[in-house]
Amino acid sequence: MVGRSSAPPAFARWLLLRALKGRTRSAILGDLDQEFAQFVLPQRGAHAARMWYWRQALGSMSACLREPAELDVEPAERVSMRSALMQSPTGLGADFRSAARFCLRNPLVALTVIASLAVGIGASTAAFTVVNAVYLKGCPLPTRNVSCRSGRAEAAPSPIPSISPHAMFRDSPPSSLAVGRWR
């Protein structure tokens, strides 16, 4: 019969039994018990071996809680994210296959959808380009707050003081305005 000092701590073993599941539990318990009896106990003594077992048990439980086993699968058998998404019957690969089948069965509808998307994306890009150039980047005039009405320019009051526009244009790299003057 194994004495109390030469056996692994019963409470640590009980915690491992309750915290781990399936093949992970049998693998960790088997390895810990074997290493405890064959190597650690003879080399370190009973008290140090029992402390080692506690440290290994707590470390194993925390590692398994941080990264739980997926459906009782060993870590070497884990499925990669790519294969889970592309080969699963409900994953992204199934969506691509379904879309390809739809396009082959109904080519006119597929062409209409693709053309509609292309026109919509193009129109959105064009609208943003205009808004960006006119409203967001500002007017490339010497006085920024100029409003044009009835053919003559009137300076609008500026609530925010700014740096000299001449210095800003002088120090900036050539833009499309310089290209226009070059012709």
C-alpha atoms as a PDB file:
ATOM      1  CA  MET A   1       0.000   0.000   0.000  1.00  0.00           C
ATOM      2  CA  VAL A   2       1.232   3.444  -0.895  1.00  0.00           C
ATOM      3  CA  GLY A   3       1.818   5.750   2.060  1.00  0.00           C
ATOM      4  CA  ARG A   4       0.352   9.211   2.323  1.00  0.00           C
ATOM      5  CA  SER A   5       3.706  10.924   1.772  1.00  0.00           C
ATOM      6  CA  SER A   6       4.535   8.896  -1.348  1.00  0.00           C
ATOM      7  CA  ALA A   7       1.138   9.471  -3.046  1.00  0.00           C
ATOM      8  CA  PRO A   8       0.144  12.594  -4.943  1.00  0.00           C
ATOM      9  CA  PRO A   9      -1.963  15.086  -2.980  1.00  0.00           C
ATOM     10  CA  ALA A  10      -5.519  13.757  -2.980  1.00  0.00           C
ATOM     11  CA  PHE A  11      -7.217  17.151  -3.108  1.00  0.00           C
ATOM     12  CA  ALA A  12      -5.070  18.339  -6.046  1.00  0.00           C
ATOM     13  CA  ARG A  13      -5.893  15.108  -7.895  1.00  0.00           C
ATOM     14  CA  TRP A  14      -9.601  15.546  -7.088  1.00  0.00           C
ATOM     15  CA  LEU A  15      -9.507  19.125  -8.458  1.00  0.00           C
ATOM     16  CA  LEU A  16      -7.917  17.878 -11.676  1.00  0.00           C
ATOM     17  CA  LEU A  17     -10.591  15.197 -12.003  1.00  0.00           C
ATOM     18  CA  ARG A  18     -13.341  17.806 -11.671  1.00  0.00           C
ATOM     19  CA  ALA A  19     -11.743  20.570 -13.757  1.00  0.00           C
ATOM     20  CA  LEU A  20     -10.606  18.604 -16.809  1.00  0.00           C
ATOM     21  CA  LYS A  21     -12.638  16.585 -19.268  1.00  0.00           C
ATOM     22  CA  GLY A  22     -12.212  13.644 -21.617  1.00  0.00           C
ATOM     23  CA  ARG A  23      -8.865  12.726 -23.112  1.00  0.00           C
ATOM     24  CA  THR A  24      -7.265  15.864 -21.704  1.00  0.00           C
ATOM     25  CA  ARG A  25      -8.014  14.715 -18.162  1.00  0.00           C
ATOM     26  CA  SER A  26      -6.644  11.203 -18.668  1.00  0.00           C
ATOM     27  CA  ALA A  27      -3.510  12.474 -20.402  1.00  0.00           C
ATOM     28  CA  ILE A  28      -2.678  15.121 -17.785  1.00  0.00           C
ATOM     29  CA  LEU A  29      -3.464  12.900 -14.798  1.00  0.00           C
ATOM     30  CA  GLY A  30      -1.515   9.981 -16.244  1.00  0.00           C
ATOM     31  CA  ASP A  31       1.536  12.096 -17.015  1.00  0.00           C
ATOM     32  CA  LEU A  32       1.496  13.869 -13.647  1.00  0.00           C
ATOM     33  CA  ASP A  33       1.102  10.643 -11.653  1.00  0.00           C
ATOM     34  CA  GLN A  34       3.826   8.883 -13.619  1.00  0.00           C
ATOM     35  CA  GLU A  35       6.316  11.740 -13.376  1.00  0.00           C
ATOM     36  CA  PHE A  36       5.514  12.212  -9.685  1.00  0.00           C
ATOM     37  CA  ALA A  37       6.157   8.544  -8.837  1.00  0.00           C
ATOM     38  CA  GLN A  38       9.127   7.861 -11.124  1.00  0.00           C
ATOM     39  CA  PHE A  39      11.165  11.056 -11.127  1.00  0.00           C
ATOM     40  CA  VAL A  40      10.119  13.829  -8.755  1.00  0.00           C
ATOM     41  CA  LEU A  41       9.488  11.821  -5.573  1.00  0.00           C
ATOM     42  CA  PRO A  42      12.844   9.957  -5.623  1.00  0.00           C
ATOM     43  CA  GLN A  43      14.848  13.067  -6.513  1.00  0.00           C
ATOM     44  CA  ARG A  44      13.247  15.783  -4.368  1.00  0.00           C
ATOM     45  CA  GLY A  45      11.655  14.015  -1.433  1.00  0.00           C
ATOM     46  CA  ALA A  46       8.040  13.741  -0.306  1.00  0.00           C
ATOM     47  CA  HIS A  47       7.315  17.364   0.703  1.00  0.00           C
ATOM     48  CA  ALA A  48       8.983  18.953  -2.365  1.00  0.00           C
ATOM     49  CA  ALA A  49       7.330  16.380  -4.656  1.00  0.00           C
ATOM     50  CA  ARG A  50       3.896  17.166  -3.241  1.00  0.00           C
ATOM     51  CA  MET A  51       4.507  20.914  -3.751  1.00  0.00           C
ATOM     52  CA  TRP A  52       5.627  20.189  -7.333  1.00  0.00           C
ATOM     53  CA  TYR A  53       2.400  18.227  -7.942  1.00  0.00           C
ATOM     54  CA  TRP A  54       0.276  21.137  -6.659  1.00  0.00           C
ATOM     55  CA  ARG A  55       2.126  23.625  -8.873  1.00  0.00           C
ATOM     56  CA  GLN A  56       1.705  21.381 -11.949  1.00  0.00           C
ATOM     57  CA  ALA A  57      -1.967  20.694 -11.168  1.00  0.00           C
ATOM     58  CA  LEU A  58      -2.836  24.381 -10.798  1.00  0.00           C
ATOM     59  CA  GLY A  59      -0.861  25.277 -13.917  1.00  0.00           C
ATOM     60  CA  SER A  60      -2.608  22.554 -15.930  1.00  0.00           C
ATOM     61  CA  MET A  61      -6.035  23.677 -14.774  1.00  0.00           C
ATOM     62  CA  SER A  62      -5.381  27.326 -15.587  1.00  0.00           C
ATOM     63  CA  ALA A  63      -4.009  26.432 -19.030  1.00  0.00           C
ATOM     64  CA  CYS A  64      -7.052  24.279 -19.783  1.00  0.00           C
ATOM     65  CA  LEU A  65      -9.449  26.976 -18.547  1.00  0.00           C
ATOM     66  CA  ARG A  66      -7.724  29.593 -20.713  1.00  0.00           C
ATOM     67  CA  GLU A  67      -7.877  27.400 -23.805  1.00  0.00           C
ATOM     68  CA  PRO A  68     -10.576  24.742 -23.473  1.00  0.00           C
ATOM     69  CA  ALA A  69     -10.418  21.671 -25.679  1.00  0.00           C
ATOM     70  CA  GLU A  70     -12.791  21.821 -28.627  1.00  0.00           C
ATOM     71  CA  LEU A  71     -15.253  18.957 -28.593  1.00  0.00           C
ATOM     72  CA  ASP A  72     -12.817  16.579 -26.934  1.00  0.00           C
ATOM     73  CA  VAL A  73     -10.184  17.053 -29.665  1.00  0.00           C
ATOM     74  CA  GLU A  74      -6.508  16.777 -28.823  1.00  0.00           C
ATOM     75  CA  PRO A  75      -4.394  19.929 -29.376  1.00  0.00           C
ATOM     76  CA  ALA A  76      -2.515  18.261 -32.252  1.00  0.00           C
ATOM     77  CA  GLU A  77      -5.842  17.547 -33.971  1.00  0.00           C
ATOM     78  CA  ARG A  78      -7.250  21.073 -33.640  1.00  0.00           C
ATOM     79  CA  VAL A  79      -8.794  22.496 -36.734  1.00  0.00           C
ATOM     80  CA  SER A  80      -7.268  25.653 -38.186  1.00  0.00           C
ATOM     81  CA  MET A  81      -9.403  28.759 -38.597  1.00  0.00           C
ATOM     82  CA  ARG A  82      -9.082  28.572 -42.384  1.00  0.00           C
ATOM     83  CA  SER A  83     -10.347  25.005 -42.623  1.00  0.00           C
ATOM     84  CA  ALA A  84     -13.116  25.690 -40.091  1.00  0.00           C
ATOM     85  CA  LEU A  85     -14.390  28.616 -42.173  1.00  0.00           C
ATOM     86  CA  MET A  86     -13.899  27.157 -45.623  1.00  0.00           C
ATOM     87  CA  GLN A  87     -14.754  23.465 -45.092  1.00  0.00           C
ATOM     88  CA  SER A  88     -17.588  23.718 -42.596  1.00  0.00           C
ATOM     89  CA  PRO A  89     -21.062  23.164 -44.044  1.00  0.00           C
ATOM     90  CA  THR A  90     -22.160  26.470 -42.478  1.00  0.00           C
ATOM     91  CA  GLY A  91     -18.934  28.431 -43.017  1.00  0.00           C
ATOM     92  CA  LEU A  92     -17.695  30.973 -45.504  1.00  0.00           C
ATOM     93  CA  GLY A  93     -16.710  28.320 -48.038  1.00  0.00           C
ATOM     94  CA  ALA A  94     -20.302  27.096 -48.192  1.00  0.00           C
ATOM     95  CA  ASP A  95     -21.427  30.671 -48.868  1.00  0.00           C
ATOM     96  CA  PHE A  96     -18.933  31.004 -51.735  1.00  0.00           C
ATOM     97  CA  ARG A  97     -20.006  27.661 -53.219  1.00  0.00           C
ATOM     98  CA  SER A  98     -23.665  28.664 -52.948  1.00  0.00           C
ATOM     99  CA  ALA A  99     -22.977  32.007 -54.638  1.00  0.00           C
ATOM    100  CA  ALA A 100     -21.062  30.301 -57.464  1.00  0.00           C
ATOM    101  CA  ARG A 101     -23.937  27.847 -58.023  1.00  0.00           C
ATOM    102  CA  PHE A 102     -26.420  30.739 -58.104  1.00  0.00           C
ATOM    103  CA  CYS A 103     -24.309  32.629 -60.649  1.00  0.00           C
ATOM    104  CA  LEU A 104     -24.060  29.555 -62.886  1.00  0.00           C
ATOM    105  CA  ARG A 105     -27.806  28.809 -62.687  1.00  0.00           C
ATOM    106  CA  ASN A 106     -28.986  32.401 -63.230  1.00  0.00           C
ATOM    107  CA  PRO A 107     -26.308  34.279 -65.189  1.00  0.00           C
ATOM    108  CA  LEU A 108     -28.558  37.219 -66.154  1.00  0.00           C
ATOM    109  CA  VAL A 109     -29.606  37.875 -62.560  1.00  0.00           C
ATOM    110  CA  ALA A 110     -26.002  37.521 -61.407  1.00  0.00           C
ATOM    111  CA  LEU A 111     -24.825  39.985 -64.066  1.00  0.00           C
ATOM    112  CA  THR A 112     -27.546  42.451 -63.053  1.00  0.00           C
ATOM    113  CA  VAL A 113     -26.564  42.217 -59.385  1.00  0.00           C
ATOM    114  CA  ILE A 114     -22.860  42.655 -60.147  1.00  0.00           C
ATOM    115  CA  ALA A 115     -23.536  45.619 -62.462  1.00  0.00           C
ATOM    116  CA  SER A 116     -25.784  47.254 -59.844  1.00  0.00           C
ATOM    117  CA  LEU A 117     -23.097  46.872 -57.211  1.00  0.00           C
ATOM    118  CA  ALA A 118     -20.450  48.305 -59.552  1.00  0.00           C
ATOM    119  CA  VAL A 119     -22.595  51.343 -60.426  1.00  0.00           C
ATOM    120  CA  GLY A 120     -23.495  51.923 -56.763  1.00  0.00           C
ATOM    121  CA  ILE A 121     -19.898  51.712 -55.584  1.00  0.00           C
ATOM    122  CA  GLY A 122     -18.752  53.967 -58.431  1.00  0.00           C
ATOM    123  CA  ALA A 123     -21.427  56.560 -57.692  1.00  0.00           C
ATOM    124  CA  SER A 124     -20.610  56.538 -53.979  1.00  0.00           C
ATOM    125  CA  THR A 125     -16.921  56.995 -54.741  1.00  0.00           C
ATOM    126  CA  ALA A 126     -17.622  59.873 -57.129  1.00  0.00           C
ATOM    127  CA  ALA A 127     -19.928  61.597 -54.645  1.00  0.00           C
ATOM    128  CA  PHE A 128     -17.373  61.265 -51.847  1.00  0.00           C
ATOM    129  CA  THR A 129     -14.626  62.603 -54.109  1.00  0.00           C
ATOM    130  CA  VAL A 130     -16.680  65.716 -54.867  1.00  0.00           C
ATOM    131  CA  VAL A 131     -17.654  66.249 -51.220  1.00  0.00           C
ATOM    132  CA  ASN A 132     -14.074  65.716 -50.114  1.00  0.00           C
ATOM    133  CA  ALA A 133     -12.686  68.165 -52.656  1.00  0.00           C
ATOM    134  CA  VAL A 134     -15.283  70.899 -52.095  1.00  0.00           C
ATOM    135  CA  TYR A 135     -16.190  70.717 -48.407  1.00  0.00           C
ATOM    136  CA  LEU A 136     -13.562  68.755 -46.532  1.00  0.00           C
ATOM    137  CA  LYS A 137     -10.329  69.948 -48.120  1.00  0.00           C
ATOM    138  CA  GLY A 138     -11.454  73.524 -48.541  1.00  0.00           C
ATOM    139  CA  CYS A 139     -11.109  76.072 -51.263  1.00  0.00           C
ATOM    140  CA  PRO A 140      -7.582  76.575 -52.711  1.00  0.00           C
ATOM    141  CA  LEU A 141      -7.916  80.358 -52.838  1.00  0.00           C
ATOM    142  CA  PRO A 142      -5.701  82.926 -51.094  1.00  0.00           C
ATOM    143  CA  THR A 143      -8.566  83.789 -48.738  1.00  0.00           C
ATOM    144  CA  ARG A 144     -10.254  80.600 -47.725  1.00  0.00           C
ATOM    145  CA  ASN A 145     -13.610  81.983 -46.667  1.00  0.00           C
ATOM    146  CA  VAL A 146     -14.729  83.475 -49.965  1.00  0.00           C
ATOM    147  CA  SER A 147     -18.294  83.096 -51.063  1.00  0.00           C
ATOM    148  CA  CYS A 148     -19.103  83.733 -54.713  1.00  0.00           C
ATOM    149  CA  ARG A 149     -22.425  85.441 -55.421  1.00  0.00           C
ATOM    150  CA  SER A 150     -23.665  87.064 -58.573  1.00  0.00           C
ATOM    151  CA  GLY A 151     -20.272  86.972 -60.239  1.00  0.00           C
ATOM    152  CA  ARG A 152     -18.248  88.894 -57.658  1.00  0.00           C
ATOM    153  CA  ALA A 153     -16.314  87.577 -54.679  1.00  0.00           C
ATOM    154  CA  GLU A 154     -17.214  88.713 -51.182  1.00  0.00           C
ATOM    155  CA  ALA A 155     -15.045  87.857 -48.225  1.00  0.00           C
ATOM    156  CA  ALA A 156     -16.936  86.104 -45.452  1.00  0.00           C
ATOM    157  CA  PRO A 157     -15.892  86.797 -41.873  1.00  0.00           C
ATOM    158  CA  SER A 158     -13.644  84.107 -40.415  1.00  0.00           C
ATOM    159  CA  PRO A 159     -14.193  83.199 -36.742  1.00  0.00           C
ATOM    160  CA  ILE A 160     -10.947  81.182 -36.627  1.00  0.00           C
ATOM    161  CA  PRO A 161      -7.603  82.879 -37.307  1.00  0.00           C
ATOM    162  CA  SER A 162      -5.416  80.879 -39.673  1.00  0.00           C
ATOM    163  CA  ILE A 163      -1.874  80.928 -40.993  1.00  0.00           C
ATOM    164  CA  SER A 164      -1.058  82.861 -44.112  1.00  0.00           C
ATOM    165  CA  PRO A 165      -2.456  80.938 -47.098  1.00  0.00           C
ATOM    166  CA  HIS A 166       0.420  82.170 -49.227  1.00  0.00           C
ATOM    167  CA  ALA A 167       2.948  80.554 -46.893  1.00  0.00           C
ATOM    168  CA  MET A 168       0.930  77.350 -46.819  1.00  0.00           C
ATOM    169  CA  PHE A 169       0.823  77.080 -50.625  1.00  0.00           C
ATOM    170  CA  ARG A 170       4.450  78.161 -50.953  1.00  0.00           C
ATOM    171  CA  ASP A 171       5.679  75.377 -48.638  1.00  0.00           C
ATOM    172  CA  SER A 172       3.390  72.622 -49.902  1.00  0.00           C
ATOM    173  CA  PRO A 173       4.414  70.257 -52.724  1.00  0.00           C
ATOM    174  CA  PRO A 174       3.083  70.992 -56.214  1.00  0.00           C
ATOM    175  CA  SER A 175      -0.548  70.090 -56.655  1.00  0.00           C
ATOM    176  CA  SER A 176      -2.980  69.837 -59.506  1.00  0.00           C
ATOM    177  CA  LEU A 177      -3.058  73.667 -59.668  1.00  0.00           C
ATOM    178  CA  ALA A 178       0.596  73.705 -60.645  1.00  0.00           C
ATOM    179  CA  VAL A 179      -0.082  71.138 -63.334  1.00  0.00           C
ATOM    180  CA  GLY A 180      -2.857  73.338 -64.717  1.00  0.00           C
ATOM    181  CA  ARG A 181      -0.530  76.355 -64.880  1.00  0.00           C
ATOM    182  CA  TRP A 182       2.165  74.274 -66.560  1.00  0.00           C
ATOM    183  CA  ARG A 183       0.158  73.838 -69.767  1.00  0.00           C
END
